[in-house]
Amino acid sequence: MIPMSSRPRRRENRIAAVQYLYSWDINRPDDLNDSLRRFFAGKEEERDYYSFGEELIHGALENMPEVDGKIRGLTRNWDFKRIAKIDLAILRLAIYELRFRRDIPPVVSINEAIELGKLFSNEDAKRFINGILDKMKETIGRPLREAALD
């Protein structure tokens, strides 16, 4: 694993977001704010360092029905419940970014998801994540290499 100090800040924030989304899916808290407070208290940096990650967490959770609907639609021949929880967390984050974060170029979200798959999952999962996101990029209707200006 690459030491935290040599990874870009946004990568660290995405790592935190995936970790939280994974734990949230396993044990959904009654109080999201308290759960986030405890999660970030256990991180290496102060909570404000992870502000981008926290934005991603809130966005993914708030848009979970639509995000999960997209995943279900893109995995037609795959039972949603059989997707590994870590792969699902990565897909939820990436599809949230692709669908709702027009300030992030789609190719960045896809590449970051693939890197997260390498970090947290196995070779098959990396291909699975890439395949799903490859299908998703065909539906977003905007340039892949630039953020939207609107």
N, C-alpha and C. Protein backbone atom coordinates (compact mmCIF):
# COMPACT_ATOMS: atom_id res chain seq x y z
N MET A 1 0.85 -1.18 0.00
CA MET A 1 0.00 0.00 0.00
C MET A 1 0.89 1.24 0.00
N ILE A 2 0.49 2.25 -0.76
CA ILE A 2 1.25 3.49 -0.84
C ILE A 2 1.03 4.28 0.44
N PRO A 3 2.11 4.80 1.05
CA PRO A 3 1.95 5.60 2.27
C PRO A 3 1.04 6.80 2.01
N MET A 4 0.25 7.17 3.01
CA MET A 4 -0.70 8.26 2.87
C MET A 4 -0.03 9.55 2.43
N SER A 5 1.13 9.84 2.97
CA SER A 5 1.79 11.11 2.71
C SER A 5 2.16 11.28 1.23
N SER A 6 2.26 10.19 0.47
CA SER A 6 2.64 10.32 -0.94
C SER A 6 1.45 10.20 -1.88
N ARG A 7 0.25 10.03 -1.34
CA ARG A 7 -0.94 9.97 -2.19
C ARG A 7 -1.60 11.35 -2.24
N PRO A 8 -2.21 11.68 -3.39
CA PRO A 8 -2.91 12.96 -3.49
C PRO A 8 -4.06 13.07 -2.48
N ARG A 9 -4.33 14.29 -2.04
CA ARG A 9 -5.36 14.54 -1.03
C ARG A 9 -6.74 14.04 -1.48
N ARG A 10 -7.10 14.30 -2.72
CA ARG A 10 -8.41 13.84 -3.18
C ARG A 10 -8.49 12.32 -3.19
N ARG A 11 -7.39 11.64 -3.48
CA ARG A 11 -7.37 10.17 -3.42
C ARG A 11 -7.63 9.73 -1.98
N GLU A 12 -6.97 10.38 -1.04
CA GLU A 12 -7.18 10.06 0.38
C GLU A 12 -8.63 10.28 0.78
N ASN A 13 -9.24 11.32 0.26
CA ASN A 13 -10.64 11.60 0.56
C ASN A 13 -11.55 10.54 -0.05
N ARG A 14 -11.24 10.11 -1.25
CA ARG A 14 -12.04 9.04 -1.86
C ARG A 14 -11.86 7.72 -1.10
N ILE A 15 -10.66 7.46 -0.65
CA ILE A 15 -10.42 6.26 0.16
C ILE A 15 -11.29 6.31 1.41
N ALA A 16 -11.30 7.44 2.08
CA ALA A 16 -12.13 7.59 3.28
C ALA A 16 -13.61 7.41 2.94
N ALA A 17 -14.04 7.98 1.82
CA ALA A 17 -15.44 7.86 1.42
C ALA A 17 -15.82 6.40 1.17
N VAL A 18 -14.95 5.66 0.47
CA VAL A 18 -15.22 4.24 0.21
C VAL A 18 -15.25 3.46 1.53
N GLN A 19 -14.31 3.74 2.41
CA GLN A 19 -14.28 3.05 3.71
C GLN A 19 -15.57 3.31 4.48
N TYR A 20 -16.02 4.56 4.47
CA TYR A 20 -17.25 4.87 5.20
C TYR A 20 -18.46 4.21 4.54
N LEU A 21 -18.57 4.31 3.22
CA LEU A 21 -19.71 3.70 2.52
C LEU A 21 -19.75 2.19 2.73
N TYR A 22 -18.59 1.57 2.78
CA TYR A 22 -18.50 0.14 3.05
C TYR A 22 -19.02 -0.17 4.45
N SER A 23 -18.53 0.56 5.45
CA SER A 23 -18.96 0.30 6.83
C SER A 23 -20.43 0.65 7.01
N TRP A 24 -20.90 1.69 6.35
CA TRP A 24 -22.31 2.09 6.42
C TRP A 24 -23.20 0.97 5.89
N ASP A 25 -22.78 0.31 4.82
CA ASP A 25 -23.59 -0.74 4.23
C ASP A 25 -23.65 -1.98 5.13
N ILE A 26 -22.61 -2.22 5.87
CA ILE A 26 -22.57 -3.38 6.76
C ILE A 26 -23.36 -3.13 8.05
N ASN A 27 -23.25 -1.92 8.57
CA ASN A 27 -23.91 -1.59 9.83
C ASN A 27 -24.45 -0.17 9.75
N ARG A 28 -25.65 -0.04 9.21
CA ARG A 28 -26.24 1.28 8.98
C ARG A 28 -26.56 1.96 10.32
N PRO A 29 -25.96 3.13 10.53
CA PRO A 29 -26.13 3.81 11.82
C PRO A 29 -27.49 4.49 11.93
N ASP A 30 -27.94 4.64 13.17
CA ASP A 30 -29.17 5.39 13.43
C ASP A 30 -28.94 6.88 13.26
N ASP A 31 -27.76 7.33 13.63
CA ASP A 31 -27.43 8.75 13.60
C ASP A 31 -26.22 8.96 12.69
N LEU A 32 -26.47 9.44 11.48
CA LEU A 32 -25.42 9.62 10.49
C LEU A 32 -24.34 10.59 10.98
N ASN A 33 -24.75 11.71 11.54
CA ASN A 33 -23.77 12.71 11.98
C ASN A 33 -22.85 12.16 13.06
N ASP A 34 -23.40 11.43 14.01
CA ASP A 34 -22.57 10.83 15.07
C ASP A 34 -21.65 9.76 14.48
N SER A 35 -22.17 8.99 13.55
CA SER A 35 -21.36 7.97 12.90
C SER A 35 -20.19 8.59 12.14
N LEU A 36 -20.46 9.66 11.42
CA LEU A 36 -19.39 10.35 10.69
C LEU A 36 -18.37 10.96 11.65
N ARG A 37 -18.84 11.53 12.74
CA ARG A 37 -17.94 12.11 13.74
C ARG A 37 -16.98 11.05 14.26
N ARG A 38 -17.51 9.89 14.61
CA ARG A 38 -16.67 8.80 15.13
C ARG A 38 -15.72 8.28 14.05
N PHE A 39 -16.22 8.16 12.82
CA PHE A 39 -15.39 7.68 11.72
C PHE A 39 -14.19 8.60 11.50
N PHE A 40 -14.45 9.89 11.39
CA PHE A 40 -13.36 10.82 11.12
C PHE A 40 -12.45 11.02 12.33
N ALA A 41 -12.96 10.78 13.52
CA ALA A 41 -12.10 10.87 14.71
C ALA A 41 -11.01 9.80 14.69
N GLY A 42 -11.27 8.70 14.01
CA GLY A 42 -10.29 7.62 13.92
C GLY A 42 -9.33 7.74 12.74
N LYS A 43 -9.44 8.81 11.98
CA LYS A 43 -8.58 8.98 10.81
C LYS A 43 -7.28 9.69 11.21
N GLU A 44 -6.32 9.58 10.33
CA GLU A 44 -4.99 10.12 10.55
C GLU A 44 -4.96 11.65 10.61
N GLU A 45 -5.76 12.28 9.78
CA GLU A 45 -5.79 13.75 9.68
C GLU A 45 -7.03 14.29 10.40
N GLU A 46 -7.05 15.61 10.60
CA GLU A 46 -8.22 16.27 11.17
C GLU A 46 -9.40 16.14 10.21
N ARG A 47 -10.61 16.24 10.73
CA ARG A 47 -11.81 16.04 9.92
C ARG A 47 -11.88 17.00 8.73
N ASP A 48 -11.46 18.24 8.89
CA ASP A 48 -11.57 19.19 7.78
C ASP A 48 -10.69 18.79 6.59
N TYR A 49 -9.66 18.01 6.83
CA TYR A 49 -8.82 17.48 5.74
C TYR A 49 -9.67 16.64 4.78
N TYR A 50 -10.68 15.99 5.33
CA TYR A 50 -11.54 15.07 4.57
C TYR A 50 -12.84 15.72 4.10
N SER A 51 -12.88 17.03 3.97
CA SER A 51 -14.13 17.70 3.61
C SER A 51 -14.66 17.24 2.25
N PHE A 52 -13.78 17.04 1.28
CA PHE A 52 -14.20 16.54 -0.03
C PHE A 52 -14.79 15.15 0.12
N GLY A 53 -14.14 14.29 0.88
CA GLY A 53 -14.65 12.94 1.12
C GLY A 53 -16.00 12.95 1.81
N GLU A 54 -16.16 13.85 2.75
CA GLU A 54 -17.44 13.94 3.45
C GLU A 54 -18.55 14.42 2.50
N GLU A 55 -18.22 15.35 1.61
CA GLU A 55 -19.19 15.76 0.58
C GLU A 55 -19.61 14.56 -0.26
N LEU A 56 -18.63 13.75 -0.65
CA LEU A 56 -18.93 12.57 -1.46
C LEU A 56 -19.80 11.58 -0.70
N ILE A 57 -19.51 11.38 0.57
CA ILE A 57 -20.31 10.46 1.39
C ILE A 57 -21.75 10.94 1.45
N HIS A 58 -21.95 12.20 1.81
CA HIS A 58 -23.31 12.74 1.91
C HIS A 58 -24.03 12.63 0.56
N GLY A 59 -23.34 13.00 -0.51
CA GLY A 59 -23.96 12.94 -1.83
C GLY A 59 -24.35 11.53 -2.23
N ALA A 60 -23.45 10.58 -2.00
CA ALA A 60 -23.74 9.19 -2.35
C ALA A 60 -24.92 8.65 -1.53
N LEU A 61 -24.94 8.97 -0.24
CA LEU A 61 -26.02 8.48 0.61
C LEU A 61 -27.35 9.14 0.25
N GLU A 62 -27.33 10.44 0.00
CA GLU A 62 -28.57 11.16 -0.33
C GLU A 62 -29.15 10.70 -1.66
N ASN A 63 -28.30 10.25 -2.54
CA ASN A 63 -28.74 9.84 -3.88
C ASN A 63 -28.70 8.32 -4.07
N MET A 64 -28.63 7.59 -2.97
CA MET A 64 -28.49 6.14 -3.00
C MET A 64 -29.57 5.43 -3.84
N PRO A 65 -30.85 5.80 -3.74
CA PRO A 65 -31.83 5.08 -4.57
C PRO A 65 -31.53 5.19 -6.07
N GLU A 66 -31.18 6.39 -6.53
CA GLU A 66 -30.88 6.54 -7.96
C GLU A 66 -29.56 5.86 -8.32
N VAL A 67 -28.56 6.00 -7.46
CA VAL A 67 -27.25 5.38 -7.70
C VAL A 67 -27.41 3.86 -7.78
N ASP A 68 -28.09 3.28 -6.80
CA ASP A 68 -28.30 1.83 -6.81
C ASP A 68 -29.14 1.39 -8.01
N GLY A 69 -30.10 2.22 -8.40
CA GLY A 69 -30.88 1.92 -9.59
C GLY A 69 -30.01 1.86 -10.84
N LYS A 70 -29.06 2.78 -10.94
CA LYS A 70 -28.12 2.77 -12.07
C LYS A 70 -27.28 1.49 -12.03
N ILE A 71 -26.79 1.14 -10.85
CA ILE A 71 -25.97 -0.07 -10.73
C ILE A 71 -26.78 -1.29 -11.15
N ARG A 72 -28.02 -1.38 -10.67
CA ARG A 72 -28.88 -2.51 -11.04
C ARG A 72 -29.08 -2.56 -12.56
N GLY A 73 -29.30 -1.41 -13.17
CA GLY A 73 -29.51 -1.35 -14.61
C GLY A 73 -28.28 -1.74 -15.40
N LEU A 74 -27.11 -1.44 -14.86
CA LEU A 74 -25.86 -1.73 -15.56
C LEU A 74 -25.37 -3.15 -15.31
N THR A 75 -25.91 -3.81 -14.31
CA THR A 75 -25.52 -5.19 -13.98
C THR A 75 -26.70 -6.12 -14.21
N ARG A 76 -27.30 -6.02 -15.37
CA ARG A 76 -28.53 -6.76 -15.68
C ARG A 76 -28.43 -8.26 -15.39
N ASN A 77 -27.32 -8.86 -15.69
CA ASN A 77 -27.19 -10.31 -15.51
C ASN A 77 -26.47 -10.68 -14.22
N TRP A 78 -26.48 -9.78 -13.26
CA TRP A 78 -25.78 -10.01 -12.01
C TRP A 78 -26.70 -9.65 -10.86
N ASP A 79 -26.85 -10.54 -9.90
CA ASP A 79 -27.69 -10.27 -8.74
C ASP A 79 -27.03 -9.19 -7.88
N PHE A 80 -27.74 -8.09 -7.68
CA PHE A 80 -27.23 -6.95 -6.92
C PHE A 80 -26.68 -7.37 -5.56
N LYS A 81 -27.36 -8.28 -4.89
CA LYS A 81 -26.95 -8.73 -3.55
C LYS A 81 -25.65 -9.52 -3.57
N ARG A 82 -25.23 -9.99 -4.74
CA ARG A 82 -24.00 -10.77 -4.84
C ARG A 82 -22.77 -9.90 -5.10
N ILE A 83 -22.99 -8.60 -5.35
CA ILE A 83 -21.84 -7.71 -5.55
C ILE A 83 -21.13 -7.57 -4.21
N ALA A 84 -19.82 -7.78 -4.21
CA ALA A 84 -19.04 -7.64 -2.97
C ALA A 84 -19.25 -6.25 -2.39
N LYS A 85 -19.38 -6.17 -1.08
CA LYS A 85 -19.67 -4.89 -0.41
C LYS A 85 -18.63 -3.83 -0.74
N ILE A 86 -17.37 -4.18 -0.82
CA ILE A 86 -16.34 -3.18 -1.11
C ILE A 86 -16.47 -2.71 -2.56
N ASP A 87 -16.78 -3.62 -3.47
CA ASP A 87 -16.96 -3.23 -4.87
C ASP A 87 -18.20 -2.35 -5.01
N LEU A 88 -19.23 -2.66 -4.25
CA LEU A 88 -20.45 -1.85 -4.27
C LEU A 88 -20.16 -0.44 -3.75
N ALA A 89 -19.36 -0.33 -2.70
CA ALA A 89 -19.00 0.99 -2.17
C ALA A 89 -18.25 1.80 -3.22
N ILE A 90 -17.32 1.16 -3.92
CA ILE A 90 -16.56 1.84 -4.97
C ILE A 90 -17.49 2.27 -6.11
N LEU A 91 -18.37 1.37 -6.53
CA LEU A 91 -19.31 1.70 -7.60
C LEU A 91 -20.26 2.82 -7.18
N ARG A 92 -20.75 2.78 -5.95
CA ARG A 92 -21.65 3.83 -5.48
C ARG A 92 -20.97 5.19 -5.53
N LEU A 93 -19.74 5.24 -5.08
CA LEU A 93 -19.00 6.50 -5.10
C LEU A 93 -18.80 6.98 -6.54
N ALA A 94 -18.33 6.10 -7.40
CA ALA A 94 -18.03 6.49 -8.78
C ALA A 94 -19.29 6.90 -9.54
N ILE A 95 -20.36 6.16 -9.37
CA ILE A 95 -21.58 6.49 -10.11
C ILE A 95 -22.20 7.76 -9.55
N TYR A 96 -22.10 7.97 -8.25
CA TYR A 96 -22.54 9.26 -7.71
C TYR A 96 -21.75 10.39 -8.38
N GLU A 97 -20.44 10.26 -8.44
CA GLU A 97 -19.61 11.31 -9.07
C GLU A 97 -19.99 11.51 -10.53
N LEU A 98 -20.14 10.41 -11.26
CA LEU A 98 -20.46 10.51 -12.70
C LEU A 98 -21.83 11.15 -12.93
N ARG A 99 -22.76 10.84 -12.08
CA ARG A 99 -24.13 11.31 -12.27
C ARG A 99 -24.36 12.71 -11.72
N PHE A 100 -23.76 13.02 -10.58
CA PHE A 100 -24.11 14.25 -9.87
C PHE A 100 -22.99 15.28 -9.71
N ARG A 101 -21.74 14.88 -9.85
CA ARG A 101 -20.64 15.81 -9.64
C ARG A 101 -20.08 16.26 -10.98
N ARG A 102 -20.76 17.23 -11.58
CA ARG A 102 -20.35 17.73 -12.88
C ARG A 102 -19.05 18.52 -12.81
N ASP A 103 -18.60 18.85 -11.61
CA ASP A 103 -17.34 19.57 -11.44
C ASP A 103 -16.13 18.64 -11.54
N ILE A 104 -16.37 17.34 -11.64
CA ILE A 104 -15.29 16.36 -11.74
C ILE A 104 -15.36 15.73 -13.13
N PRO A 105 -14.27 15.79 -13.89
CA PRO A 105 -14.28 15.13 -15.21
C PRO A 105 -14.58 13.64 -15.05
N PRO A 106 -15.48 13.10 -15.86
CA PRO A 106 -15.84 11.69 -15.74
C PRO A 106 -14.64 10.73 -15.78
N VAL A 107 -13.67 11.02 -16.62
CA VAL A 107 -12.51 10.13 -16.71
C VAL A 107 -11.76 10.07 -15.38
N VAL A 108 -11.78 11.16 -14.62
CA VAL A 108 -11.14 11.17 -13.30
C VAL A 108 -11.88 10.23 -12.36
N SER A 109 -13.20 10.32 -12.33
CA SER A 109 -14.00 9.45 -11.46
C SER A 109 -13.79 7.98 -11.81
N ILE A 110 -13.75 7.67 -13.10
CA ILE A 110 -13.55 6.29 -13.54
C ILE A 110 -12.16 5.79 -13.15
N ASN A 111 -11.14 6.59 -13.44
CA ASN A 111 -9.77 6.19 -13.09
C ASN A 111 -9.59 6.03 -11.58
N GLU A 112 -10.19 6.92 -10.82
CA GLU A 112 -10.09 6.81 -9.35
C GLU A 112 -10.77 5.53 -8.86
N ALA A 113 -11.92 5.20 -9.43
CA ALA A 113 -12.62 3.98 -9.03
C ALA A 113 -11.77 2.74 -9.34
N ILE A 114 -11.12 2.74 -10.48
CA ILE A 114 -10.27 1.61 -10.84
C ILE A 114 -9.09 1.51 -9.86
N GLU A 115 -8.52 2.64 -9.51
CA GLU A 115 -7.42 2.64 -8.53
C GLU A 115 -7.90 2.16 -7.16
N LEU A 116 -9.11 2.55 -6.77
CA LEU A 116 -9.66 2.09 -5.50
C LEU A 116 -9.91 0.58 -5.55
N GLY A 117 -10.34 0.09 -6.70
CA GLY A 117 -10.52 -1.35 -6.87
C GLY A 117 -9.20 -2.09 -6.71
N LYS A 118 -8.12 -1.53 -7.27
CA LYS A 118 -6.80 -2.14 -7.11
C LYS A 118 -6.38 -2.15 -5.65
N LEU A 119 -6.70 -1.09 -4.95
CA LEU A 119 -6.30 -0.94 -3.55
C LEU A 119 -7.08 -1.86 -2.62
N PHE A 120 -8.39 -1.98 -2.85
CA PHE A 120 -9.25 -2.67 -1.90
C PHE A 120 -9.77 -4.04 -2.35
N SER A 121 -9.69 -4.35 -3.63
CA SER A 121 -10.33 -5.57 -4.10
C SER A 121 -9.34 -6.41 -4.89
N ASN A 122 -9.86 -7.30 -5.71
CA ASN A 122 -8.98 -8.20 -6.47
C ASN A 122 -9.04 -7.90 -7.97
N GLU A 123 -8.27 -8.62 -8.73
CA GLU A 123 -8.17 -8.38 -10.18
C GLU A 123 -9.52 -8.52 -10.88
N ASP A 124 -10.29 -9.53 -10.51
CA ASP A 124 -11.60 -9.71 -11.12
C ASP A 124 -12.52 -8.53 -10.83
N ALA A 125 -12.45 -8.03 -9.62
CA ALA A 125 -13.28 -6.89 -9.23
C ALA A 125 -12.90 -5.65 -10.02
N LYS A 126 -11.61 -5.46 -10.24
CA LYS A 126 -11.15 -4.32 -11.02
C LYS A 126 -11.77 -4.35 -12.41
N ARG A 127 -11.80 -5.52 -13.03
CA ARG A 127 -12.40 -5.66 -14.36
C ARG A 127 -13.91 -5.44 -14.30
N PHE A 128 -14.55 -5.96 -13.25
CA PHE A 128 -16.00 -5.79 -13.06
C PHE A 128 -16.33 -4.30 -12.92
N ILE A 129 -15.61 -3.60 -12.05
CA ILE A 129 -15.83 -2.17 -11.83
C ILE A 129 -15.62 -1.40 -13.13
N ASN A 130 -14.54 -1.71 -13.82
CA ASN A 130 -14.24 -1.03 -15.08
C ASN A 130 -15.34 -1.27 -16.11
N GLY A 131 -15.83 -2.50 -16.19
CA GLY A 131 -16.90 -2.82 -17.13
C GLY A 131 -18.18 -2.05 -16.85
N ILE A 132 -18.55 -1.98 -15.58
CA ILE A 132 -19.77 -1.25 -15.20
C ILE A 132 -19.61 0.23 -15.52
N LEU A 133 -18.47 0.80 -15.14
CA LEU A 133 -18.26 2.24 -15.36
C LEU A 133 -18.10 2.56 -16.84
N ASP A 134 -17.59 1.62 -17.61
CA ASP A 134 -17.49 1.81 -19.05
C ASP A 134 -18.89 1.93 -19.65
N LYS A 135 -19.81 1.09 -19.19
CA LYS A 135 -21.21 1.20 -19.64
C LYS A 135 -21.82 2.52 -19.18
N MET A 136 -21.52 2.93 -17.96
CA MET A 136 -22.09 4.15 -17.39
C MET A 136 -21.64 5.38 -18.16
N LYS A 137 -20.38 5.41 -18.57
CA LYS A 137 -19.87 6.62 -19.24
C LYS A 137 -20.59 6.89 -20.55
N GLU A 138 -21.16 5.85 -21.16
CA GLU A 138 -21.90 6.03 -22.41
C GLU A 138 -23.23 6.74 -22.18
N THR A 139 -23.68 6.82 -20.94
CA THR A 139 -25.00 7.39 -20.64
C THR A 139 -24.95 8.79 -20.05
N ILE A 140 -23.77 9.32 -19.78
CA ILE A 140 -23.72 10.59 -19.04
C ILE A 140 -23.89 11.83 -19.90
N GLY A 141 -23.65 11.71 -21.19
CA GLY A 141 -23.95 12.81 -22.10
C GLY A 141 -23.14 14.08 -21.89
N ARG A 142 -21.89 13.94 -21.54
CA ARG A 142 -21.01 15.11 -21.43
C ARG A 142 -19.58 14.68 -21.74
N PRO A 143 -18.71 15.63 -22.06
CA PRO A 143 -17.33 15.28 -22.36
C PRO A 143 -16.67 14.53 -21.21
N LEU A 144 -15.88 13.53 -21.53
CA LEU A 144 -15.27 12.68 -20.51
C LEU A 144 -14.06 13.30 -19.84
N ARG A 145 -13.37 14.18 -20.52
CA ARG A 145 -12.10 14.67 -20.01
C ARG A 145 -12.16 16.07 -19.40
N GLU A 146 -13.36 16.61 -19.23
CA GLU A 146 -13.44 17.94 -18.63
C GLU A 146 -14.65 18.05 -17.72
N ALA A 147 -14.52 18.94 -16.76
CA ALA A 147 -15.64 19.22 -15.87
C ALA A 147 -16.65 20.08 -16.62
N ALA A 148 -17.92 19.94 -16.25
CA ALA A 148 -18.96 20.77 -16.86
C ALA A 148 -18.88 22.17 -16.27
N LEU A 149 -19.11 23.15 -17.07
CA LEU A 149 -19.01 24.54 -16.62
C LEU A 149 -20.32 25.09 -16.11
N ASP A 150 -21.41 24.37 -16.24
CA ASP A 150 -22.70 24.90 -15.80
C ASP A 150 -23.00 24.64 -14.36
